[in-house]
């Protein structure tokens, strides 16, 4: 669950940063490679190329950040251990104590 929060937070922040600074890789490089200068469209006053670049940057960098966080954190901290039988601890008629 916390990895999902890291992904969403990093995606939103990188999407916003790319809207402000649209020349960030890899989105800018991919958009420049596939650019068609005859098409010029705007969505909510922002160029469509910038929005697509922001989506590419947000998704790619968020996946990288989430994977780094996942490996840095290690295995799940909330794993439950199986109950262990301790001799002499349970004093009931069905205990495994031989006395």
PDB file of N, CA and C in Angstrom:
ATOM      1  N   UNK A   1       0.822  -1.196   0.000  1.00  0.00           N
ATOM      2  CA  UNK A   1       0.000   0.000   0.000  1.00  0.00           C
ATOM      3  C   UNK A   1       0.862   1.254   0.000  1.00  0.00           C
ATOM      4  N   UNK A   2       1.938   1.224   0.774  1.00  0.00           N
ATOM      5  CA  UNK A   2       2.788   2.405   0.831  1.00  0.00           C
ATOM      6  C   UNK A   2       3.524   2.614  -0.500  1.00  0.00           C
ATOM      7  N   UNK A   3       3.795   1.520  -1.216  1.00  0.00           N
ATOM      8  CA  UNK A   3       4.422   1.656  -2.535  1.00  0.00           C
ATOM      9  C   UNK A   3       3.493   2.371  -3.506  1.00  0.00           C
ATOM     10  N   UNK A   4       2.199   2.112  -3.389  1.00  0.00           N
ATOM     11  CA  UNK A   4       1.219   2.809  -4.227  1.00  0.00           C
ATOM     12  C   UNK A   4       1.215   4.308  -3.919  1.00  0.00           C
ATOM     13  N   UNK A   5       1.297   4.663  -2.646  1.00  0.00           N
ATOM     14  CA  UNK A   5       1.341   6.079  -2.267  1.00  0.00           C
ATOM     15  C   UNK A   5       2.613   6.746  -2.780  1.00  0.00           C
ATOM     16  N   UNK A   6       3.737   6.018  -2.745  1.00  0.00           N
ATOM     17  CA  UNK A   6       4.989   6.556  -3.292  1.00  0.00           C
ATOM     18  C   UNK A   6       4.841   6.776  -4.788  1.00  0.00           C
ATOM     19  N   UNK A   7       4.210   5.824  -5.486  1.00  0.00           N
ATOM     20  CA  UNK A   7       4.020   5.960  -6.929  1.00  0.00           C
ATOM     21  C   UNK A   7       3.146   7.162  -7.260  1.00  0.00           C
ATOM     22  N   UNK A   8       2.017   7.295  -6.585  1.00  0.00           N
ATOM     23  CA  UNK A   8       1.084   8.389  -6.884  1.00  0.00           C
ATOM     24  C   UNK A   8       1.722   9.741  -6.564  1.00  0.00           C
ATOM     25  N   UNK A   9       2.401   9.842  -5.432  1.00  0.00           N
ATOM     26  CA  UNK A   9       3.051  11.099  -5.052  1.00  0.00           C
ATOM     27  C   UNK A   9       4.134  11.482  -6.049  1.00  0.00           C
ATOM     28  N   UNK A  10       4.974  10.523  -6.421  1.00  0.00           N
ATOM     29  CA  UNK A  10       6.042  10.838  -7.369  1.00  0.00           C
ATOM     30  C   UNK A  10       5.474  11.143  -8.759  1.00  0.00           C
ATOM     31  N   UNK A  11       4.400  10.436  -9.157  1.00  0.00           N
ATOM     32  CA  UNK A  11       3.792  10.723 -10.457  1.00  0.00           C
ATOM     33  C   UNK A  11       3.245  12.143 -10.509  1.00  0.00           C
ATOM     34  N   UNK A  12       2.484  12.528  -9.498  1.00  0.00           N
ATOM     35  CA  UNK A  12       1.895  13.873  -9.505  1.00  0.00           C
ATOM     36  C   UNK A  12       2.962  14.964  -9.461  1.00  0.00           C
ATOM     37  N   UNK A  13       4.004  14.749  -8.669  1.00  0.00           N
ATOM     38  CA  UNK A  13       5.053  15.772  -8.587  1.00  0.00           C
ATOM     39  C   UNK A  13       5.842  15.857  -9.895  1.00  0.00           C
ATOM     40  N   UNK A  14       6.176  14.726 -10.500  1.00  0.00           N
ATOM     41  CA  UNK A  14       6.920  14.754 -11.764  1.00  0.00           C
ATOM     42  C   UNK A  14       6.057  15.253 -12.919  1.00  0.00           C
ATOM     43  N   UNK A  15       4.769  14.951 -12.897  1.00  0.00           N
ATOM     44  CA  UNK A  15       3.864  15.482 -13.912  1.00  0.00           C
ATOM     45  C   UNK A  15       3.824  17.003 -13.834  1.00  0.00           C
ATOM     46  N   UNK A  16       3.719  17.533 -12.614  1.00  0.00           N
ATOM     47  CA  UNK A  16       3.682  18.989 -12.428  1.00  0.00           C
ATOM     48  C   UNK A  16       5.000  19.642 -12.817  1.00  0.00           C
ATOM     49  N   UNK A  17       6.113  19.029 -12.436  1.00  0.00           N
ATOM     50  CA  UNK A  17       7.429  19.593 -12.788  1.00  0.00           C
ATOM     51  C   UNK A  17       7.625  19.589 -14.297  1.00  0.00           C
ATOM     52  N   UNK A  18       7.157  18.548 -14.970  1.00  0.00           N
ATOM     53  CA  UNK A  18       7.308  18.495 -16.427  1.00  0.00           C
ATOM     54  C   UNK A  18       6.415  19.522 -17.118  1.00  0.00           C
ATOM     55  N   UNK A  19       5.251  19.825 -16.550  1.00  0.00           N
ATOM     56  CA  UNK A  19       4.413  20.883 -17.117  1.00  0.00           C
ATOM     57  C   UNK A  19       5.152  22.224 -17.025  1.00  0.00           C
ATOM     58  N   UNK A  20       5.861  22.445 -15.921  1.00  0.00           N
ATOM     59  CA  UNK A  20       6.584  23.710 -15.729  1.00  0.00           C
ATOM     60  C   UNK A  20       7.857  23.739 -16.568  1.00  0.00           C
ATOM     61  N   UNK A  21       8.629  22.630 -16.560  1.00  0.00           N
ATOM     62  CA  UNK A  21       9.874  22.522 -17.317  1.00  0.00           C
ATOM     63  C   UNK A  21       9.736  21.388 -18.329  1.00  0.00           C
ATOM     64  N   UNK A  22       9.229  21.658 -19.538  1.00  0.00           N
ATOM     65  CA  UNK A  22       8.894  20.574 -20.482  1.00  0.00           C
ATOM     66  C   UNK A  22      10.086  19.902 -21.159  1.00  0.00           C
ATOM     67  N   UNK A  23      11.314  20.347 -20.906  1.00  0.00           N
ATOM     68  CA  UNK A  23      12.471  19.770 -21.591  1.00  0.00           C
ATOM     69  C   UNK A  23      13.133  18.633 -20.815  1.00  0.00           C
ATOM     70  N   UNK A  24      12.425  18.000 -19.894  1.00  0.00           N
ATOM     71  CA  UNK A  24      13.011  16.921 -19.102  1.00  0.00           C
ATOM     72  C   UNK A  24      12.936  15.597 -19.862  1.00  0.00           C
ATOM     73  N   UNK A  25      14.023  14.813 -19.797  1.00  0.00           N
ATOM     74  CA  UNK A  25      13.992  13.501 -20.457  1.00  0.00           C
ATOM     75  C   UNK A  25      13.253  12.490 -19.597  1.00  0.00           C
ATOM     76  N   UNK A  26      12.776  11.400 -20.101  1.00  0.00           N
ATOM     77  CA  UNK A  26      12.786  10.903 -21.465  1.00  0.00           C
ATOM     78  C   UNK A  26      11.605  11.395 -22.299  1.00  0.00           C
ATOM     79  N   UNK A  27      10.652  12.078 -21.675  1.00  0.00           N
ATOM     80  CA  UNK A  27       9.464  12.536 -22.400  1.00  0.00           C
ATOM     81  C   UNK A  27       9.792  13.469 -23.540  1.00  0.00           C
ATOM     82  N   UNK A  28      10.676  14.415 -23.305  1.00  0.00           N
ATOM     83  CA  UNK A  28      11.038  15.394 -24.336  1.00  0.00           C
ATOM     84  C   UNK A  28      11.700  14.704 -25.528  1.00  0.00           C
ATOM     85  N   UNK A  29      12.560  13.728 -25.254  1.00  0.00           N
ATOM     86  CA  UNK A  29      13.264  13.022 -26.334  1.00  0.00           C
ATOM     87  C   UNK A  29      12.271  12.220 -27.180  1.00  0.00           C
ATOM     88  N   UNK A  30      11.340  11.545 -26.532  1.00  0.00           N
ATOM     89  CA  UNK A  30      10.356  10.742 -27.261  1.00  0.00           C
ATOM     90  C   UNK A  30       9.421  11.638 -28.077  1.00  0.00           C
ATOM     91  N   UNK A  31       8.993  12.751 -27.489  1.00  0.00           N
ATOM     92  CA  UNK A  31       8.107  13.677 -28.214  1.00  0.00           C
ATOM     93  C   UNK A  31       8.833  14.290 -29.409  1.00  0.00           C
ATOM     94  N   UNK A  32      10.093  14.665 -29.243  1.00  0.00           N
ATOM     95  CA  UNK A  32      10.858  15.234 -30.364  1.00  0.00           C
ATOM     96  C   UNK A  32      11.055  14.207 -31.479  1.00  0.00           C
ATOM     97  N   UNK A  33      11.201  12.943 -31.118  1.00  0.00           N
ATOM     98  CA  UNK A  33      11.392  11.905 -32.123  1.00  0.00           C
ATOM     99  C   UNK A  33      10.133  11.716 -32.967  1.00  0.00           C
ATOM    100  N   UNK A  34       8.959  11.782 -32.340  1.00  0.00           N
ATOM    101  CA  UNK A  34       7.701  11.558 -33.043  1.00  0.00           C
ATOM    102  C   UNK A  34       6.946  12.836 -33.388  1.00  0.00           C
ATOM    103  N   UNK A  35       7.577  13.991 -33.284  1.00  0.00           N
ATOM    104  CA  UNK A  35       6.892  15.271 -33.484  1.00  0.00           C
ATOM    105  C   UNK A  35       6.436  15.437 -34.930  1.00  0.00           C
ATOM    106  N   UNK A  36       5.209  15.954 -35.064  1.00  0.00           N
ATOM    107  CA  UNK A  36       4.663  16.310 -36.355  1.00  0.00           C
ATOM    108  C   UNK A  36       4.391  17.813 -36.312  1.00  0.00           C
ATOM    109  N   UNK A  37       5.193  18.612 -36.991  1.00  0.00           N
ATOM    110  CA  UNK A  37       5.050  20.070 -36.873  1.00  0.00           C
ATOM    111  C   UNK A  37       3.735  20.609 -37.450  1.00  0.00           C
ATOM    112  N   UNK A  38       3.015  19.809 -38.231  1.00  0.00           N
ATOM    113  CA  UNK A  38       1.766  20.289 -38.809  1.00  0.00           C
ATOM    114  C   UNK A  38       0.611  20.239 -37.817  1.00  0.00           C
ATOM    115  N   UNK A  39       0.766  19.467 -36.761  1.00  0.00           N
ATOM    116  CA  UNK A  39      -0.303  19.342 -35.765  1.00  0.00           C
ATOM    117  C   UNK A  39       0.050  20.227 -34.572  1.00  0.00           C
ATOM    118  N   UNK A  40      -0.867  21.136 -34.262  1.00  0.00           N
ATOM    119  CA  UNK A  40      -0.676  22.030 -33.125  1.00  0.00           C
ATOM    120  C   UNK A  40      -1.990  22.089 -32.361  1.00  0.00           C
ATOM    121  N   UNK A  41      -2.049  21.444 -31.225  1.00  0.00           N
ATOM    122  CA  UNK A  41      -3.283  21.412 -30.456  1.00  0.00           C
ATOM    123  C   UNK A  41      -2.989  21.752 -29.001  1.00  0.00           C
ATOM    124  N   UNK A  42      -3.989  22.315 -28.349  1.00  0.00           N
ATOM    125  CA  UNK A  42      -3.868  22.716 -26.948  1.00  0.00           C
ATOM    126  C   UNK A  42      -5.018  22.106 -26.154  1.00  0.00           C
ATOM    127  N   UNK A  43      -4.693  21.665 -24.955  1.00  0.00           N
ATOM    128  CA  UNK A  43      -5.683  21.130 -24.032  1.00  0.00           C
ATOM    129  C   UNK A  43      -5.589  21.963 -22.765  1.00  0.00           C
ATOM    130  N   UNK A  44      -6.656  22.683 -22.443  1.00  0.00           N
ATOM    131  CA  UNK A  44      -6.706  23.568 -21.271  1.00  0.00           C
ATOM    132  C   UNK A  44      -5.572  24.592 -21.304  1.00  0.00           C
ATOM    133  N   UNK A  45      -5.233  25.054 -22.496  1.00  0.00           N
ATOM    134  CA  UNK A  45      -4.208  26.080 -22.637  1.00  0.00           C
ATOM    135  C   UNK A  45      -2.785  25.558 -22.603  1.00  0.00           C
ATOM    136  N   UNK A  46      -2.604  24.240 -22.504  1.00  0.00           N
ATOM    137  CA  UNK A  46      -1.269  23.634 -22.475  1.00  0.00           C
ATOM    138  C   UNK A  46      -1.118  22.804 -23.739  1.00  0.00           C
ATOM    139  N   UNK A  47       0.057  22.880 -24.342  1.00  0.00           N
ATOM    140  CA  UNK A  47       0.315  22.132 -25.563  1.00  0.00           C
ATOM    141  C   UNK A  47       0.137  20.634 -25.320  1.00  0.00           C
ATOM    142  N   UNK A  48      -0.419  19.948 -26.310  1.00  0.00           N
ATOM    143  CA  UNK A  48      -0.612  18.504 -26.206  1.00  0.00           C
ATOM    144  C   UNK A  48       0.697  17.754 -26.090  1.00  0.00           C
ATOM    145  N   UNK A  49       1.742  18.262 -26.775  1.00  0.00           N
ATOM    146  CA  UNK A  49       3.061  17.633 -26.673  1.00  0.00           C
ATOM    147  C   UNK A  49       3.595  17.701 -25.243  1.00  0.00           C
ATOM    148  N   UNK A  50       3.366  18.810 -24.578  1.00  0.00           N
ATOM    149  CA  UNK A  50       3.838  18.961 -23.197  1.00  0.00           C
ATOM    150  C   UNK A  50       3.074  18.009 -22.276  1.00  0.00           C
ATOM    151  N   UNK A  51       1.776  17.861 -22.489  1.00  0.00           N
ATOM    152  CA  UNK A  51       0.986  16.949 -21.660  1.00  0.00           C
ATOM    153  C   UNK A  51       1.412  15.491 -21.862  1.00  0.00           C
ATOM    154  N   UNK A  52       1.652  15.101 -23.092  1.00  0.00           N
ATOM    155  CA  UNK A  52       2.098  13.733 -23.348  1.00  0.00           C
ATOM    156  C   UNK A  52       3.487  13.512 -22.774  1.00  0.00           C
ATOM    157  N   UNK A  53       4.352  14.505 -22.905  1.00  0.00           N
ATOM    158  CA  UNK A  53       5.685  14.423 -22.307  1.00  0.00           C
ATOM    159  C   UNK A  53       5.600  14.310 -20.793  1.00  0.00           C
ATOM    160  N   UNK A  54       4.679  15.039 -20.186  1.00  0.00           N
ATOM    161  CA  UNK A  54       4.497  14.976 -18.732  1.00  0.00           C
ATOM    162  C   UNK A  54       3.991  13.598 -18.312  1.00  0.00           C
ATOM    163  N   UNK A  55       3.086  13.015 -19.083  1.00  0.00           N
ATOM    164  CA  UNK A  55       2.618  11.660 -18.777  1.00  0.00           C
ATOM    165  C   UNK A  55       3.739  10.636 -18.887  1.00  0.00           C
ATOM    166  N   UNK A  56       4.534  10.742 -19.942  1.00  0.00           N
ATOM    167  CA  UNK A  56       5.655   9.811 -20.123  1.00  0.00           C
ATOM    168  C   UNK A  56       6.641   9.947 -18.974  1.00  0.00           C
ATOM    169  N   UNK A  57       6.999  11.183 -18.632  1.00  0.00           N
ATOM    170  CA  UNK A  57       7.936  11.396 -17.529  1.00  0.00           C
ATOM    171  C   UNK A  57       7.358  10.928 -16.205  1.00  0.00           C
ATOM    172  N   UNK A  58       6.106  11.243 -15.955  1.00  0.00           N
ATOM    173  CA  UNK A  58       5.492  10.846 -14.698  1.00  0.00           C
ATOM    174  C   UNK A  58       5.471   9.347 -14.523  1.00  0.00           C
ATOM    175  N   UNK A  59       5.065   8.625 -15.551  1.00  0.00           N
ATOM    176  CA  UNK A  59       4.980   7.172 -15.442  1.00  0.00           C
ATOM    177  C   UNK A  59       6.363   6.537 -15.355  1.00  0.00           C
ATOM    178  N   UNK A  60       7.279   6.938 -16.234  1.00  0.00           N
ATOM    179  CA  UNK A  60       8.590   6.279 -16.261  1.00  0.00           C
ATOM    180  C   UNK A  60       9.389   6.548 -14.985  1.00  0.00           C
ATOM    181  N   UNK A  61       9.472   7.801 -14.566  1.00  0.00           N
ATOM    182  CA  UNK A  61      10.246   8.103 -13.361  1.00  0.00           C
ATOM    183  C   UNK A  61       9.559   7.592 -12.103  1.00  0.00           C
ATOM    184  N   UNK A  62       8.241   7.545 -12.081  1.00  0.00           N
ATOM    185  CA  UNK A  62       7.538   7.029 -10.906  1.00  0.00           C
ATOM    186  C   UNK A  62       7.755   5.525 -10.747  1.00  0.00           C
ATOM    187  N   UNK A  63       7.792   4.805 -11.844  1.00  0.00           N
ATOM    188  CA  UNK A  63       8.086   3.373 -11.772  1.00  0.00           C
ATOM    189  C   UNK A  63       9.492   3.160 -11.232  1.00  0.00           C
ATOM    190  N   UNK A  64      10.453   3.946 -11.699  1.00  0.00           N
ATOM    191  CA  UNK A  64      11.832   3.819 -11.229  1.00  0.00           C
ATOM    192  C   UNK A  64      11.916   4.155  -9.740  1.00  0.00           C
ATOM    193  N   UNK A  65      11.292   5.241  -9.320  1.00  0.00           N
ATOM    194  CA  UNK A  65      11.320   5.636  -7.910  1.00  0.00           C
ATOM    195  C   UNK A  65      10.639   4.591  -7.033  1.00  0.00           C
ATOM    196  N   UNK A  66       9.528   4.036  -7.484  1.00  0.00           N
ATOM    197  CA  UNK A  66       8.819   3.020  -6.704  1.00  0.00           C
ATOM    198  C   UNK A  66       9.637   1.739  -6.592  1.00  0.00           C
ATOM    199  N   UNK A  67      10.303   1.330  -7.660  1.00  0.00           N
ATOM    200  CA  UNK A  67      11.155   0.148  -7.590  1.00  0.00           C
ATOM    201  C   UNK A  67      12.332   0.357  -6.652  1.00  0.00           C
ATOM    202  N   UNK A  68      12.943   1.533  -6.691  1.00  0.00           N
ATOM    203  CA  UNK A  68      14.041   1.833  -5.765  1.00  0.00           C
ATOM    204  C   UNK A  68      13.540   1.813  -4.331  1.00  0.00           C
ATOM    205  N   UNK A  69      12.377   2.409  -4.093  1.00  0.00           N
ATOM    206  CA  UNK A  69      11.799   2.392  -2.746  1.00  0.00           C
ATOM    207  C   UNK A  69      11.486   0.972  -2.306  1.00  0.00           C
ATOM    208  N   UNK A  70      10.925   0.154  -3.202  1.00  0.00           N
ATOM    209  CA  UNK A  70      10.573  -1.220  -2.883  1.00  0.00           C
ATOM    210  C   UNK A  70      11.810  -2.026  -2.490  1.00  0.00           C
ATOM    211  N   UNK A  71      12.897  -1.902  -3.248  1.00  0.00           N
ATOM    212  CA  UNK A  71      14.117  -2.647  -2.933  1.00  0.00           C
ATOM    213  C   UNK A  71      14.832  -2.080  -1.714  1.00  0.00           C
ATOM    214  N   UNK A  72      14.738  -0.786  -1.495  1.00  0.00           N
ATOM    215  CA  UNK A  72      15.358  -0.167  -0.325  1.00  0.00           C
ATOM    216  C   UNK A  72      14.650  -0.596   0.953  1.00  0.00           C
ATOM    217  N   UNK A  73      13.332  -0.698   0.887  1.00  0.00           N
ATOM    218  CA  UNK A  73      12.541  -1.056   2.064  1.00  0.00           C
ATOM    219  C   UNK A  73      12.708  -2.521   2.420  1.00  0.00           C
ATOM    220  N   UNK A  74      12.943  -3.366   1.443  1.00  0.00           N
ATOM    221  CA  UNK A  74      13.116  -4.780   1.699  1.00  0.00           C
ATOM    222  C   UNK A  74      11.792  -5.516   1.754  1.00  0.00           C
ATOM    223  N   UNK A  75      11.810  -6.723   2.320  1.00  0.00           N
ATOM    224  CA  UNK A  75      10.564  -7.485   2.399  1.00  0.00           C
ATOM    225  C   UNK A  75       9.540  -6.791   3.286  1.00  0.00           C
ATOM    226  N   UNK A  76       8.316  -7.220   3.163  1.00  0.00           N
ATOM    227  CA  UNK A  76       7.226  -6.620   3.931  1.00  0.00           C
ATOM    228  C   UNK A  76       7.534  -6.675   5.420  1.00  0.00           C
ATOM    229  N   UNK A  77       7.357  -5.561   6.087  1.00  0.00           N
ATOM    230  CA  UNK A  77       7.609  -5.479   7.520  1.00  0.00           C
ATOM    231  C   UNK A  77       6.454  -6.067   8.323  1.00  0.00           C
ATOM    232  N   UNK A  78       5.282  -6.173   7.741  1.00  0.00           N
ATOM    233  CA  UNK A  78       4.101  -6.600   8.466  1.00  0.00           C
ATOM    234  C   UNK A  78       3.817  -8.098   8.372  1.00  0.00           C
ATOM    235  N   UNK A  79       4.799  -8.909   7.962  1.00  0.00           N
ATOM    236  CA  UNK A  79       4.556 -10.338   7.858  1.00  0.00           C
ATOM    237  C   UNK A  79       4.350 -10.926   9.250  1.00  0.00           C
ATOM    238  N   UNK A  80       3.401 -11.827   9.344  1.00  0.00           N
ATOM    239  CA  UNK A  80       3.129 -12.490  10.618  1.00  0.00           C
ATOM    240  C   UNK A  80       3.915 -13.785  10.688  1.00  0.00           C
ATOM    241  N   UNK A  81       4.453 -14.047  11.858  1.00  0.00           N
ATOM    242  CA  UNK A  81       5.144 -15.305  12.080  1.00  0.00           C
ATOM    243  C   UNK A  81       4.139 -16.352  12.522  1.00  0.00           C
ATOM    244  N   UNK A  82       4.381 -17.597  12.143  1.00  0.00           N
ATOM    245  CA  UNK A  82       3.512 -18.679  12.565  1.00  0.00           C
ATOM    246  C   UNK A  82       3.708 -18.923  14.060  1.00  0.00           C
ATOM    247  N   UNK A  83       2.667 -19.351  14.750  1.00  0.00           N
ATOM    248  CA  UNK A  83       2.829 -19.619  16.176  1.00  0.00           C
ATOM    249  C   UNK A  83       3.789 -20.779  16.411  1.00  0.00           C
ATOM    250  N   UNK A  84       4.597 -20.663  17.422  1.00  0.00           N
ATOM    251  CA  UNK A  84       5.595 -21.670  17.749  1.00  0.00           C
ATOM    252  C   UNK A  84       5.202 -22.327  19.066  1.00  0.00           C
ATOM    253  N   UNK A  85       5.265 -23.663  19.107  1.00  0.00           N
ATOM    254  CA  UNK A  85       4.936 -24.381  20.329  1.00  0.00           C
ATOM    255  C   UNK A  85       6.140 -24.351  21.257  1.00  0.00           C
ATOM    256  N   UNK A  86       5.918 -23.924  22.481  1.00  0.00           N
ATOM    257  CA  UNK A  86       6.969 -23.881  23.496  1.00  0.00           C
ATOM    258  C   UNK A  86       6.621 -24.932  24.535  1.00  0.00           C
ATOM    259  N   UNK A  87       7.502 -25.924  24.768  1.00  0.00           N
ATOM    260  CA  UNK A  87       7.194 -26.993  25.722  1.00  0.00           C
ATOM    261  C   UNK A  87       6.959 -26.439  27.125  1.00  0.00           C
ATOM    262  N   UNK A  88       5.917 -26.914  27.767  1.00  0.00           N
ATOM    263  CA  UNK A  88       5.613 -26.519  29.131  1.00  0.00           C
ATOM    264  C   UNK A  88       4.901 -25.194  29.259  1.00  0.00           C
ATOM    265  N   UNK A  89       4.686 -24.502  28.169  1.00  0.00           N
ATOM    266  CA  UNK A  89       4.027 -23.200  28.239  1.00  0.00           C
ATOM    267  C   UNK A  89       2.534 -23.354  28.418  1.00  0.00           C
ATOM    268  N   UNK A  90       1.931 -24.266  27.665  1.00  0.00           N
ATOM    269  CA  UNK A  90       0.489 -24.472  27.758  1.00  0.00           C
ATOM    270  C   UNK A  90       0.211 -25.574  28.767  1.00  0.00           C
ATOM    271  N   UNK A  91      -0.595 -25.310  29.754  1.00  0.00           N
ATOM    272  CA  UNK A  91      -0.934 -26.300  30.780  1.00  0.00           C
ATOM    273  C   UNK A  91      -2.400 -26.685  30.648  1.00  0.00           C
ATOM    274  N   UNK A  92      -2.730 -27.337  29.570  1.00  0.00           N
ATOM    275  CA  UNK A  92      -4.100 -27.788  29.389  1.00  0.00           C
ATOM    276  C   UNK A  92      -4.083 -29.277  29.101  1.00  0.00           C
ATOM    277  N   UNK A  93      -5.231 -29.884  29.016  1.00  0.00           N
ATOM    278  CA  UNK A  93      -5.311 -31.316  28.824  1.00  0.00           C
ATOM    279  C   UNK A  93      -4.851 -31.731  27.429  1.00  0.00           C
ATOM    280  N   UNK A  94      -4.904 -30.837  26.476  1.00  0.00           N
ATOM    281  CA  UNK A  94      -4.487 -31.194  25.128  1.00  0.00           C
ATOM    282  C   UNK A  94      -3.082 -30.703  24.796  1.00  0.00           C
ATOM    283  N   UNK A  95      -2.300 -30.270  25.798  1.00  0.00           N
ATOM    284  CA  UNK A  95      -0.944 -29.808  25.512  1.00  0.00           C
ATOM    285  C   UNK A  95      -0.046 -30.992  25.206  1.00  0.00           C
ATOM    286  N   UNK A  96       1.062 -30.715  24.577  1.00  0.00           N
ATOM    287  CA  UNK A  96       1.983 -31.776  24.171  1.00  0.00           C
ATOM    288  C   UNK A  96       2.984 -32.120  25.274  1.00  0.00           C
ATOM    289  N   UNK A  97       2.796 -31.573  26.444  1.00  0.00           N
ATOM    290  CA  UNK A  97       3.696 -31.825  27.564  1.00  0.00           C
ATOM    291  C   UNK A  97       3.504 -33.265  28.034  1.00  0.00           C
ATOM    292  N   UNK A  98       4.589 -33.996  28.220  1.00  0.00           N
ATOM    293  CA  UNK A  98       4.508 -35.401  28.590  1.00  0.00           C
ATOM    294  C   UNK A  98       4.321 -35.606  30.091  1.00  0.00           C
ATOM    295  N   UNK A  99       4.294 -34.593  30.925  1.00  0.00           N
ATOM    296  CA  UNK A  99       4.168 -34.780  32.365  1.00  0.00           C
ATOM    297  C   UNK A  99       2.783 -35.099  32.804  1.00  0.00           C
TER     298      UNK A  99
END
